[in-house]
Amino acid sequence: MIQITNPATFWLTGLLFFIAIFGRYVLFSLLFWWLFNVSMKDQFAHRAVQTRPRKPGQDWREIGWSVLTSLIFTAIALAVIVAYQKGYTQIYTAAQTYPLWWYPISILSVLFIHETYYYWLHRWMHKPGVYRWVHKTHHDSITTSPWTAFSFHPLESTLQAIVIPALTFVLPLHISAVGIILMIMTFSSAVNHLNTEIYPRDFDHHWLGRWLIGATHHGLHHAQFRFNYGLYFTFWDKWMKTESPDFHRLFKEKTKSALGVEDKKG
């Protein structure tokens, strides 16, 4: 891990982290936008979850909020690095420090805890007294796109950003596992906000697919507000009966071909 030894190194590290965080967001967003709005537009046009047009200038507003989000993520990352250097975190760099089986378990544990934290945080953010101050910025994007993935009010960005860093103080995590978790987070957020269903027919009933959130699932949250609060997975929505009753119907509709014939599986 980078060693911060003086103010110049601190600010250079911050700049590098901002480039990495914001660049990762731009890379995933641009890639998905190009794939499904340019390269394969005709094949996926019928899979748009929301058909209402996006607001004028919405892309740039979302990118602007995403810059602020990336700055907040950078500041918290720097705090974790300083804490690591002082020996406060459980991050390790030598693979043999813990048994090999712990590596995937640690990643799955963080994803489960993150999902649980986010689900209940998300429901809290929809309370009337909280919503306008914390979550409304994100919901200004009713018709989403990959650019919506990091479009949060700074208060929400901070609340979202603290959980994974907090876990580094209590859970042993290899530095590469932290990187994988952050890549999964960015990838999932881009897919969920794509507004184009990319999963195949019947994937919502597949043994794996029924637990994964995609564009239809999260698009309904932006349209209906009262359902589908999950981040990566659907299990809390299923357990708490907050999954939209329209989800399976809409998923089936969006995974039909442009000619009205259901797309082939896989």
Protein backbone atom coordinates (compact mmCIF):
# COMPACT_ATOMS: atom_id res chain seq x y z
CA MET A 1 0.00 0.00 0.00
CA ILE A 2 1.12 3.59 -0.66
CA GLN A 3 3.16 5.10 2.20
CA ILE A 4 2.29 8.70 3.09
CA THR A 5 5.42 10.27 4.55
CA ASN A 6 4.94 14.02 4.05
CA PRO A 7 2.33 16.60 2.89
CA ALA A 8 3.46 16.40 -0.74
CA THR A 9 3.00 12.62 -0.75
CA PHE A 10 -0.39 13.05 0.96
CA TRP A 11 -1.74 15.38 -1.73
CA LEU A 12 -0.22 13.36 -4.56
CA THR A 13 -1.81 10.21 -3.13
CA GLY A 14 -5.13 12.01 -2.90
CA LEU A 15 -4.87 13.09 -6.53
CA LEU A 16 -4.04 9.55 -7.64
CA PHE A 17 -6.95 8.12 -5.68
CA PHE A 18 -9.36 10.69 -7.09
CA ILE A 19 -8.22 9.85 -10.63
CA ALA A 20 -8.67 6.15 -9.89
CA ILE A 21 -12.12 6.52 -8.28
CA PHE A 22 -13.57 9.04 -10.71
CA GLY A 23 -11.81 7.35 -13.64
CA ARG A 24 -13.30 3.98 -12.68
CA TYR A 25 -16.76 5.57 -12.63
CA VAL A 26 -16.20 7.23 -16.03
CA LEU A 27 -14.76 4.05 -17.55
CA PHE A 28 -17.66 1.81 -16.49
CA SER A 29 -20.30 4.42 -17.28
CA LEU A 30 -18.88 5.27 -20.69
CA LEU A 31 -18.40 1.60 -21.59
CA PHE A 32 -21.98 0.64 -20.70
CA TRP A 33 -23.42 3.78 -22.29
CA TRP A 34 -21.55 3.10 -25.55
CA LEU A 35 -22.40 -0.61 -25.63
CA PHE A 36 -26.13 -0.24 -25.14
CA ASN A 37 -26.78 3.21 -26.61
CA VAL A 38 -24.49 3.07 -29.64
CA SER A 39 -22.90 -0.29 -30.46
CA MET A 40 -25.91 -2.53 -29.71
CA LYS A 41 -28.63 0.10 -29.62
CA ASP A 42 -30.95 -1.66 -32.08
CA GLN A 43 -30.70 -5.03 -30.30
CA PHE A 44 -31.44 -3.55 -26.87
CA ALA A 45 -33.74 -0.60 -27.61
CA HIS A 46 -36.84 -2.61 -26.61
CA ARG A 47 -35.24 -3.43 -23.25
CA ALA A 48 -35.37 0.14 -21.92
CA VAL A 49 -36.93 0.02 -18.45
CA GLN A 50 -38.18 3.62 -18.42
CA THR A 51 -39.20 5.10 -21.76
CA ARG A 52 -39.65 8.71 -20.66
CA PRO A 53 -36.83 10.93 -22.00
CA ARG A 54 -34.07 12.08 -19.69
CA LYS A 55 -34.14 15.72 -18.63
CA PRO A 56 -32.07 18.24 -20.62
CA GLY A 57 -28.58 18.43 -19.17
CA GLN A 58 -29.18 15.45 -16.89
CA ASP A 59 -25.94 13.70 -17.87
CA TRP A 60 -23.81 16.68 -16.88
CA ARG A 61 -25.69 17.23 -13.61
CA GLU A 62 -25.10 13.59 -12.69
CA ILE A 63 -21.42 13.85 -13.61
CA GLY A 64 -21.13 16.98 -11.46
CA TRP A 65 -22.58 15.24 -8.40
CA SER A 66 -20.33 12.28 -9.18
CA VAL A 67 -17.25 14.51 -8.98
CA LEU A 68 -18.28 15.48 -5.44
CA THR A 69 -18.95 11.84 -4.59
CA SER A 70 -15.51 10.87 -5.87
CA LEU A 71 -13.88 13.60 -3.76
CA ILE A 72 -15.64 12.28 -0.65
CA PHE A 73 -14.63 8.71 -1.48
CA THR A 74 -11.06 9.95 -1.94
CA ALA A 75 -10.99 11.70 1.44
CA ILE A 76 -12.24 8.57 3.20
CA ALA A 77 -9.71 6.41 1.31
CA LEU A 78 -6.90 8.70 2.50
CA ALA A 79 -8.15 8.38 6.08
CA VAL A 80 -8.03 4.58 5.77
CA ILE A 81 -4.47 4.71 4.41
CA VAL A 82 -3.35 6.83 7.36
CA ALA A 83 -5.10 4.46 9.77
CA TYR A 84 -3.43 1.49 8.06
CA GLN A 85 0.00 3.06 8.42
CA LYS A 86 -0.66 3.58 12.13
CA GLY A 87 -1.67 -0.07 12.49
CA TYR A 88 -5.34 0.53 13.23
CA THR A 89 -6.89 -1.46 10.37
CA GLN A 90 -7.03 -5.20 9.66
CA ILE A 91 -5.84 -4.79 6.04
CA TYR A 92 -2.99 -7.15 5.18
CA THR A 93 -0.74 -7.50 2.12
CA ALA A 94 0.96 -10.89 2.61
CA ALA A 95 -1.32 -13.62 1.20
CA GLN A 96 -0.09 -16.20 3.73
CA THR A 97 -1.22 -14.09 6.71
CA TYR A 98 -4.60 -15.86 6.69
CA PRO A 99 -5.76 -19.21 5.24
CA LEU A 100 -6.60 -19.16 1.54
CA TRP A 101 -10.24 -20.06 2.24
CA TRP A 102 -10.65 -16.78 4.14
CA TYR A 103 -10.06 -14.72 0.98
CA PRO A 104 -13.40 -15.46 -0.77
CA ILE A 105 -15.22 -15.63 2.57
CA SER A 106 -13.98 -12.16 3.45
CA ILE A 107 -15.28 -10.73 0.16
CA LEU A 108 -18.68 -12.41 0.55
CA SER A 109 -18.90 -11.25 4.17
CA VAL A 110 -18.28 -7.63 3.20
CA LEU A 111 -20.85 -7.82 0.40
CA PHE A 112 -23.46 -9.28 2.79
CA ILE A 113 -22.79 -6.67 5.48
CA HIS A 114 -22.73 -3.87 2.91
CA GLU A 115 -26.03 -5.09 1.46
CA THR A 116 -27.63 -5.20 4.90
CA TYR A 117 -26.34 -1.76 5.87
CA TYR A 118 -27.43 -0.22 2.57
CA TYR A 119 -30.92 -1.77 2.55
CA TRP A 120 -31.82 -0.32 5.95
CA LEU A 121 -30.04 2.96 5.24
CA HIS A 122 -31.96 3.22 1.98
CA ARG A 123 -35.30 2.69 3.68
CA TRP A 124 -34.37 5.33 6.27
CA MET A 125 -33.42 7.78 3.50
CA HIS A 126 -36.95 7.47 2.11
CA LYS A 127 -38.51 8.79 5.30
CA PRO A 128 -40.19 12.15 4.48
CA GLY A 129 -38.10 14.15 6.94
CA VAL A 130 -34.85 12.69 5.60
CA TYR A 131 -35.55 12.24 1.90
CA ARG A 132 -35.42 15.88 0.75
CA TRP A 133 -32.09 16.53 2.51
CA VAL A 134 -30.25 13.30 1.69
CA HIS A 135 -31.73 11.17 -1.09
CA LYS A 136 -33.69 13.49 -3.36
CA THR A 137 -30.64 14.36 -5.48
CA HIS A 138 -30.30 10.74 -6.57
CA HIS A 139 -34.03 10.42 -7.29
CA ASP A 140 -34.03 13.49 -9.49
CA SER A 141 -32.87 10.90 -12.04
CA ILE A 142 -36.16 9.07 -12.64
CA THR A 143 -34.92 7.75 -15.97
CA THR A 144 -31.46 6.55 -15.07
CA SER A 145 -28.29 5.89 -17.05
CA PRO A 146 -24.82 4.61 -16.12
CA TRP A 147 -23.94 8.24 -15.27
CA THR A 148 -26.46 8.06 -12.39
CA ALA A 149 -24.34 5.48 -10.56
CA PHE A 150 -22.40 8.02 -8.43
CA SER A 151 -24.92 10.88 -8.56
CA PHE A 152 -25.55 11.51 -4.84
CA HIS A 153 -25.88 14.43 -2.48
CA PRO A 154 -22.67 14.73 -0.40
CA LEU A 155 -24.54 13.63 2.74
CA GLU A 156 -25.65 10.43 1.02
CA SER A 157 -22.19 9.90 -0.47
CA THR A 158 -20.68 10.06 3.01
CA LEU A 159 -23.24 7.66 4.49
CA GLN A 160 -22.66 5.24 1.63
CA ALA A 161 -18.87 5.53 1.78
CA ILE A 162 -18.27 4.82 5.46
CA VAL A 163 -19.33 1.18 5.71
CA ILE A 164 -16.55 -0.58 3.78
CA PRO A 165 -13.78 1.53 5.37
CA ALA A 166 -15.32 0.81 8.80
CA LEU A 167 -15.17 -2.92 8.08
CA THR A 168 -11.41 -2.71 7.44
CA PHE A 169 -11.00 -2.00 11.17
CA VAL A 170 -12.74 -5.22 12.25
CA LEU A 171 -12.43 -7.73 9.37
CA PRO A 172 -9.08 -8.97 8.04
CA LEU A 173 -9.05 -8.03 4.35
CA HIS A 174 -6.29 -8.53 1.83
CA ILE A 175 -5.59 -5.31 -0.04
CA SER A 176 -6.58 -6.97 -3.34
CA ALA A 177 -9.89 -8.12 -1.80
CA VAL A 178 -10.68 -4.48 -1.03
CA GLY A 179 -9.99 -3.65 -4.69
CA ILE A 180 -12.26 -6.46 -5.91
CA ILE A 181 -15.09 -5.31 -3.63
CA LEU A 182 -14.83 -1.75 -4.94
CA MET A 183 -14.83 -3.00 -8.55
CA ILE A 184 -17.95 -5.10 -7.86
CA MET A 185 -19.62 -2.06 -6.30
CA THR A 186 -18.91 0.14 -9.33
CA PHE A 187 -19.85 -2.54 -11.86
CA SER A 188 -23.10 -3.37 -10.07
CA SER A 189 -24.08 0.28 -9.75
CA ALA A 190 -23.50 0.89 -13.46
CA VAL A 191 -25.57 -2.18 -14.44
CA ASN A 192 -28.39 -1.29 -12.04
CA HIS A 193 -28.69 2.26 -13.38
CA LEU A 194 -28.26 1.31 -17.02
CA ASN A 195 -32.02 1.57 -17.74
CA THR A 196 -31.50 -1.34 -20.14
CA GLU A 197 -32.15 -4.89 -18.99
CA ILE A 198 -29.09 -6.92 -20.01
CA TYR A 199 -29.95 -10.20 -18.27
CA PRO A 200 -31.52 -13.04 -20.31
CA ARG A 201 -35.09 -14.33 -20.23
CA ASP A 202 -36.11 -16.11 -17.01
CA PHE A 203 -32.97 -14.91 -15.23
CA ASP A 204 -35.25 -13.48 -12.52
CA HIS A 205 -36.17 -17.12 -11.70
CA HIS A 206 -32.68 -18.57 -12.12
CA TRP A 207 -31.04 -19.99 -8.96
CA LEU A 208 -28.48 -17.17 -9.10
CA GLY A 209 -30.30 -14.49 -11.05
CA ARG A 210 -33.24 -14.32 -8.66
CA TRP A 211 -30.88 -12.91 -6.04
CA LEU A 212 -29.11 -10.34 -8.25
CA ILE A 213 -30.33 -6.80 -8.86
CA GLY A 214 -30.34 -5.50 -12.42
CA ALA A 215 -31.70 -2.56 -14.38
CA THR A 216 -35.37 -3.60 -14.23
CA HIS A 217 -35.29 -4.20 -10.50
CA HIS A 218 -33.59 -0.93 -9.65
CA GLY A 219 -35.36 1.03 -12.39
CA LEU A 220 -38.65 0.25 -10.66
CA HIS A 221 -37.26 1.75 -7.48
CA HIS A 222 -36.57 5.03 -9.28
CA ALA A 223 -40.06 4.98 -10.79
CA GLN A 224 -42.08 3.76 -7.79
CA PHE A 225 -39.97 4.91 -4.79
CA ARG A 226 -41.68 2.43 -2.42
CA PHE A 227 -40.03 -0.83 -3.49
CA ASN A 228 -36.68 -2.47 -4.33
CA TYR A 229 -34.29 -0.94 -1.82
CA GLY A 230 -31.41 -3.40 -2.34
CA LEU A 231 -27.91 -2.66 -3.59
CA TYR A 232 -26.41 -5.87 -5.00
CA PHE A 233 -28.93 -8.53 -3.98
CA THR A 234 -32.68 -8.99 -3.68
CA PHE A 235 -32.80 -11.07 -0.49
CA TRP A 236 -33.68 -8.26 1.92
CA ASP A 237 -36.44 -7.05 -0.40
CA LYS A 238 -37.79 -10.61 -0.56
CA TRP A 239 -37.50 -11.17 3.19
CA MET A 240 -39.09 -7.81 4.09
CA LYS A 241 -41.76 -7.99 1.34
CA THR A 242 -40.54 -4.79 -0.32
CA GLU A 243 -39.92 -6.20 -3.79
CA SER A 244 -42.13 -4.53 -6.38
CA PRO A 245 -45.16 -6.61 -7.41
CA ASP A 246 -44.49 -5.40 -10.97
CA PHE A 247 -40.94 -6.73 -11.14
CA HIS A 248 -41.40 -10.20 -12.67
CA ARG A 249 -44.04 -8.97 -15.14
CA LEU A 250 -41.85 -6.09 -16.30
CA PHE A 251 -38.74 -8.29 -16.47
CA LYS A 252 -40.58 -10.74 -18.72
CA GLU A 253 -41.81 -7.88 -20.90
CA LYS A 254 -38.34 -6.36 -21.26
CA THR A 255 -36.66 -9.67 -22.12
CA LYS A 256 -38.84 -10.22 -25.17
CA SER A 257 -37.37 -9.54 -28.57
CA ALA A 258 -38.36 -6.52 -30.60
CA LEU A 259 -40.69 -8.82 -32.55
CA GLY A 260 -42.51 -9.87 -29.39
CA VAL A 261 -40.87 -13.28 -29.13
CA GLU A 262 -39.04 -13.97 -25.89
CA ASP A 263 -35.27 -13.79 -26.17
CA LYS A 264 -33.47 -17.09 -26.02
CA LYS A 265 -32.06 -18.09 -22.65
CA GLY A 266 -28.39 -17.47 -21.97
